[in-house]
Amino acid sequence: MNDTHKNHRAIVFGATGYTGAFLVKRLRELGIETHAHLRPSSSKKERLSRVFEDVGAKVVLEPWEDARIAAVIAEVRPTLVFAVLGTTRARMKAIKRRGDDMATAGYEAIDYGLTAMIHRACEQVDEPMRFVYLSSMGVKEGTRMPYLSVRWRMEEELRQGQTDWTIVQPGFITGTDREEFRLGERVAARLSDGFLALTGAVGARRLRQKYRSITGQQLAEGMVRWALVDEGRNRVISTTDLGEAV
């Protein structure tokens, strides 16, 4: 284990997702004490609990309630908090069909609300920590897209808060190993990568790096890399930066 890592304690919220699972694995590869948060009602609870425990992570089963999340943060006292929560229209429909307790939740409740809940809990702990937030490329003030506007709101709360932060704004997150098949996203990523390959050939290398697609593993490795260095403190990280980190 790297000596600079031995004093770190990480917790991953959104560990059931594509990027979250890779984050847990990467953190454990580095020997960092890692806690993976799962909802007690999650359909993936049993399978992922075994996966995470096999790599030495500690599974935290707590519902999404302010008091319970605050208690988790107060007990774990993490130095690194990863918030990689998000949903899609397709996922919301699937959740509703299963009768899950998050069936009525959307961008406002999940993408913003749950992340804000974690951040409030972190602000109550008087110890240094880094809040690492998975946002999105294209986030900016005044956007009318619900998916992006809630992320802008969350980014602003982080900037105005007391806790150190790292905001990650990747482009397309894709990969053949993704459990949830997203045809539109995968096609868009391939078209984008193809176009950017052409622009790269005529000298727009940085543009290509910024907007290229990235796999969950590459994203997780880049997020952890920037979370662990002083240069990542209170900084927005693009896909270009992630590429430099992995």
Foldseek 3Di string as FASTA:
>chain_A
DPPLQAPFEEEEEPCVFFLNVLLLLVSLVVVHAYEYEDEPQDPCVVVVCVVSVVSPYHYDHDHQDLVGLLVVCVVRVGQEYEYEKADDPVRLVVCVVVVGPCNVDHCCCIVQVSLVSNVVSVLVDPDAHEYEYEAAPPADPPDPDSNRPSSVVNLVCQLPGDYWYFYEHEAQEDDPPGPDDDVVSVVVLVVLLVVLVVVVVVPPVLVNQQHHYHYSNLVSQLSVQLRSDPVRTNYYHGSNSSVVRD
